[in-house]
């Protein structure tokens, strides 16, 4: 996927998050996704992400490909997300993988009970 497409998608998602009242003032676990043809390559990249603000999980998909999910605790900024995606892509693509987007769980504010 080209950098321009990543930029457009990220801009759209971040704009929708803002419209939905997302709290950009605090850090969140942001999930980044990649797909690999086999487990070995997915685990090779997963091994690059260890630390207190990072978590990586590998799982098989229904189609036999392997899914990598890297969670990074960070502020949801366009620059931060773009930089991390670029770093991830530099590890994923040489091993035959492809990036599959990013996401963050938005907490829904509940109305106080009466």
Protein backbone atom coordinates (compact mmCIF):
# COMPACT_ATOMS: atom_id res chain seq x y z
CA UNK A 1 0.00 0.00 0.00
CA UNK A 2 1.45 3.37 -0.91
CA UNK A 3 2.29 6.01 1.65
CA UNK A 4 -0.29 8.37 0.11
CA UNK A 5 -3.08 5.85 0.70
CA UNK A 6 -1.90 5.32 4.31
CA UNK A 7 -1.99 9.10 4.82
CA UNK A 8 -5.52 9.42 3.43
CA UNK A 9 -6.84 6.55 5.54
CA UNK A 10 -5.16 7.84 8.70
CA UNK A 11 -6.46 11.36 8.12
CA UNK A 12 -10.00 10.06 7.69
CA UNK A 13 -9.85 7.82 10.76
CA UNK A 14 -8.35 10.52 12.97
CA UNK A 15 -10.97 13.05 11.81
CA UNK A 16 -13.78 10.60 12.63
CA UNK A 17 -12.22 9.89 16.03
CA UNK A 18 -12.19 13.64 16.75
CA UNK A 19 -15.82 13.98 15.65
CA UNK A 20 -16.70 11.08 17.96
CA UNK A 21 -15.15 12.77 20.99
CA UNK A 22 -11.97 10.67 21.23
CA UNK A 23 -9.65 11.74 24.07
CA UNK A 24 -6.44 12.72 22.29
CA UNK A 25 -4.98 14.16 25.53
CA UNK A 26 -4.05 10.74 26.93
CA UNK A 27 -2.16 7.69 25.70
CA UNK A 28 -4.00 4.68 24.27
CA UNK A 29 -3.00 1.21 23.10
CA UNK A 30 -3.02 1.55 19.32
CA UNK A 31 -3.14 -1.69 17.31
CA UNK A 32 -1.17 -2.08 14.09
CA UNK A 33 -1.81 -5.07 11.83
CA UNK A 34 0.17 -7.01 9.23
CA UNK A 35 -0.40 -10.25 7.30
CA UNK A 36 2.25 -12.84 6.47
CA UNK A 37 2.26 -16.00 4.37
CA UNK A 38 3.62 -18.12 7.22
CA UNK A 39 4.02 -18.21 11.00
CA UNK A 40 7.82 -18.05 11.00
CA UNK A 41 7.98 -14.65 9.30
CA UNK A 42 5.16 -13.24 11.44
CA UNK A 43 6.97 -14.34 14.61
CA UNK A 44 10.26 -12.96 13.32
CA UNK A 45 8.73 -9.48 13.13
CA UNK A 46 6.80 -9.94 16.39
CA UNK A 47 10.12 -10.62 18.13
CA UNK A 48 11.22 -7.08 17.27
CA UNK A 49 8.49 -5.61 19.48
CA UNK A 50 9.03 -6.18 23.17
CA UNK A 51 8.93 -3.65 25.98
CA UNK A 52 6.65 -2.03 28.48
CA UNK A 53 4.76 -0.01 25.87
CA UNK A 54 4.67 -2.71 23.18
CA UNK A 55 2.93 -6.05 22.79
CA UNK A 56 2.86 -8.35 19.74
CA UNK A 57 0.56 -11.29 19.03
CA UNK A 58 0.58 -13.75 16.15
CA UNK A 59 -2.41 -15.85 15.11
CA UNK A 60 -3.47 -17.94 12.12
CA UNK A 61 -6.26 -16.63 9.91
CA UNK A 62 -9.07 -18.66 8.37
CA UNK A 63 -7.39 -18.41 4.95
CA UNK A 64 -4.13 -19.94 6.26
CA UNK A 65 -2.18 -16.67 6.31
CA UNK A 66 -0.75 -15.36 9.58
CA UNK A 67 -1.89 -12.21 11.32
CA UNK A 68 0.45 -10.00 13.37
CA UNK A 69 -1.03 -7.50 15.82
CA UNK A 70 1.38 -5.04 17.43
CA UNK A 71 -0.03 -2.86 20.22
CA UNK A 72 1.83 0.30 21.11
CA UNK A 73 0.81 2.59 23.96
CA UNK A 74 1.08 6.09 22.56
CA UNK A 75 -0.72 9.32 21.79
CA UNK A 76 -2.98 9.03 18.76
CA UNK A 77 -1.30 11.59 16.54
CA UNK A 78 -0.98 11.55 12.78
CA UNK A 79 2.82 11.85 12.98
CA UNK A 80 3.23 9.19 15.67
CA UNK A 81 1.01 6.68 13.88
CA UNK A 82 2.65 7.41 10.53
CA UNK A 83 6.16 7.01 11.96
CA UNK A 84 5.32 3.70 13.63
CA UNK A 85 3.61 2.39 10.49
CA UNK A 86 6.70 3.28 8.48
CA UNK A 87 8.97 1.48 10.97
CA UNK A 88 6.68 -1.56 10.95
CA UNK A 89 6.48 -1.58 7.17
CA UNK A 90 10.29 -1.60 6.92
CA UNK A 91 10.28 -4.90 8.87
CA UNK A 92 7.16 -6.45 7.31
CA UNK A 93 7.66 -5.93 3.56
CA UNK A 94 11.15 -7.49 3.23
CA UNK A 95 9.72 -10.69 4.78
CA UNK A 96 6.84 -10.89 2.30
CA UNK A 97 4.21 -9.38 4.58
CA UNK A 98 1.79 -6.51 4.04
CA UNK A 99 0.46 -3.89 6.41
CA UNK A 100 -3.24 -4.26 7.19
CA UNK A 101 -4.04 -0.97 8.91
CA UNK A 102 -4.33 0.25 12.48
CA UNK A 103 -7.03 0.89 15.02
CA UNK A 104 -7.77 1.99 18.54
CA UNK A 105 -10.65 1.23 20.85
CA UNK A 106 -12.66 4.32 21.67
CA UNK A 107 -14.25 4.28 25.07
CA UNK A 108 -17.90 5.24 25.14
CA UNK A 109 -18.84 7.65 27.90
CA UNK A 110 -21.79 6.28 29.80
CA UNK A 111 -24.46 8.57 31.13
CA UNK A 112 -24.57 8.64 34.93
CA UNK A 113 -27.26 6.40 36.40
CA UNK A 114 -30.08 7.97 38.32
